[in-house]
């Protein structure tokens, strides 16, 4: 069986926002420290896996933002008696 050759290299997902959160994930590209450090030495399959993980991380972040918005969602147009709040 012949190995399949990649015609195009997978671009680095870095967007130039290189700051990490407490767990080491970049705010810009959502890669972990090892994923960022090893990117140049990764195979095409490894890079595809990192890109797949990034998509999942973006989805989880969006879900958290939606849940947080739902939790904080007050209807400020509605008149509420102060006694009903406490």
Protein backbone atom coordinates (compact mmCIF):
# COMPACT_ATOMS: atom_id res chain seq x y z
CA UNK A 1 0.00 0.00 0.00
CA UNK A 2 1.37 3.43 -0.94
CA UNK A 3 1.53 6.10 1.74
CA UNK A 4 -0.71 9.08 1.12
CA UNK A 5 1.15 12.35 0.74
CA UNK A 6 -0.22 15.66 1.94
CA UNK A 7 -0.15 18.36 -0.70
CA UNK A 8 -0.89 21.19 1.70
CA UNK A 9 0.55 21.66 5.14
CA UNK A 10 -1.87 22.32 8.00
CA UNK A 11 -1.58 25.95 9.05
CA UNK A 12 -0.66 26.86 12.59
CA UNK A 13 -3.88 27.96 14.39
CA UNK A 14 -2.06 30.75 16.26
CA UNK A 15 -3.82 34.11 15.91
CA UNK A 16 -1.21 36.13 17.78
CA UNK A 17 -3.07 36.36 21.11
CA UNK A 18 -0.48 34.46 23.11
CA UNK A 19 -1.73 34.48 26.69
CA UNK A 20 -2.63 31.40 28.69
CA UNK A 21 -5.23 30.73 31.33
CA UNK A 22 -4.46 28.99 34.65
CA UNK A 23 -4.66 25.57 33.02
CA UNK A 24 -2.18 26.53 30.27
CA UNK A 25 -4.64 26.87 27.38
CA UNK A 26 -4.03 29.80 25.06
CA UNK A 27 -6.83 32.39 24.94
CA UNK A 28 -6.19 32.93 21.22
CA UNK A 29 -5.88 29.48 19.68
CA UNK A 30 -7.16 27.29 22.56
CA UNK A 31 -4.15 24.96 22.40
CA UNK A 32 -2.46 23.56 25.49
CA UNK A 33 1.18 24.36 26.21
CA UNK A 34 2.43 21.02 24.85
CA UNK A 35 0.29 21.42 21.72
CA UNK A 36 1.82 24.84 21.08
CA UNK A 37 5.38 23.75 21.86
CA UNK A 38 5.26 20.57 19.77
CA UNK A 39 3.29 21.90 16.78
CA UNK A 40 6.26 22.09 14.41
CA UNK A 41 7.34 18.52 15.14
CA UNK A 42 3.81 17.02 14.93
CA UNK A 43 2.70 14.79 12.11
CA UNK A 44 -0.24 15.77 9.94
CA UNK A 45 -2.49 13.37 11.84
CA UNK A 46 -1.41 14.83 15.19
CA UNK A 47 -2.12 18.34 13.93
CA UNK A 48 -5.57 17.26 12.72
CA UNK A 49 -6.27 15.83 16.17
CA UNK A 50 -5.26 19.12 17.81
CA UNK A 51 -7.58 21.02 15.45
CA UNK A 52 -10.40 18.61 16.33
CA UNK A 53 -9.76 19.23 20.04
CA UNK A 54 -9.83 23.00 19.46
CA UNK A 55 -13.28 22.73 17.87
CA UNK A 56 -14.54 20.85 20.92
CA UNK A 57 -13.04 23.43 23.27
CA UNK A 58 -14.73 26.26 21.36
CA UNK A 59 -18.06 24.46 21.62
CA UNK A 60 -17.68 23.95 25.38
CA UNK A 61 -16.76 27.61 25.87
CA UNK A 62 -19.82 28.72 23.90
CA UNK A 63 -22.06 26.39 25.92
CA UNK A 64 -20.65 27.80 29.18
CA UNK A 65 -21.24 31.35 27.96
CA UNK A 66 -24.84 30.52 27.05
CA UNK A 67 -25.48 28.89 30.44
CA UNK A 68 -23.93 31.85 32.24
CA UNK A 69 -26.12 34.21 30.19
CA UNK A 70 -29.20 32.20 31.11
CA UNK A 71 -28.28 32.27 34.79
CA UNK A 72 -27.73 36.03 34.73
CA UNK A 73 -30.70 36.76 32.49
CA UNK A 74 -32.98 39.17 34.32
CA UNK A 75 -35.89 40.91 32.68
CA UNK A 76 -35.20 44.50 33.69
CA UNK A 77 -38.30 45.71 31.88
CA UNK A 78 -40.54 43.82 34.29
CA UNK A 79 -41.60 45.62 37.47
CA UNK A 80 -40.84 43.39 40.45
CA UNK A 81 -41.75 44.16 44.04
CA UNK A 82 -38.68 44.21 46.28
CA UNK A 83 -40.38 41.70 48.61
CA UNK A 84 -40.47 39.14 45.78
CA UNK A 85 -36.70 39.25 45.36
CA UNK A 86 -35.84 38.28 48.96
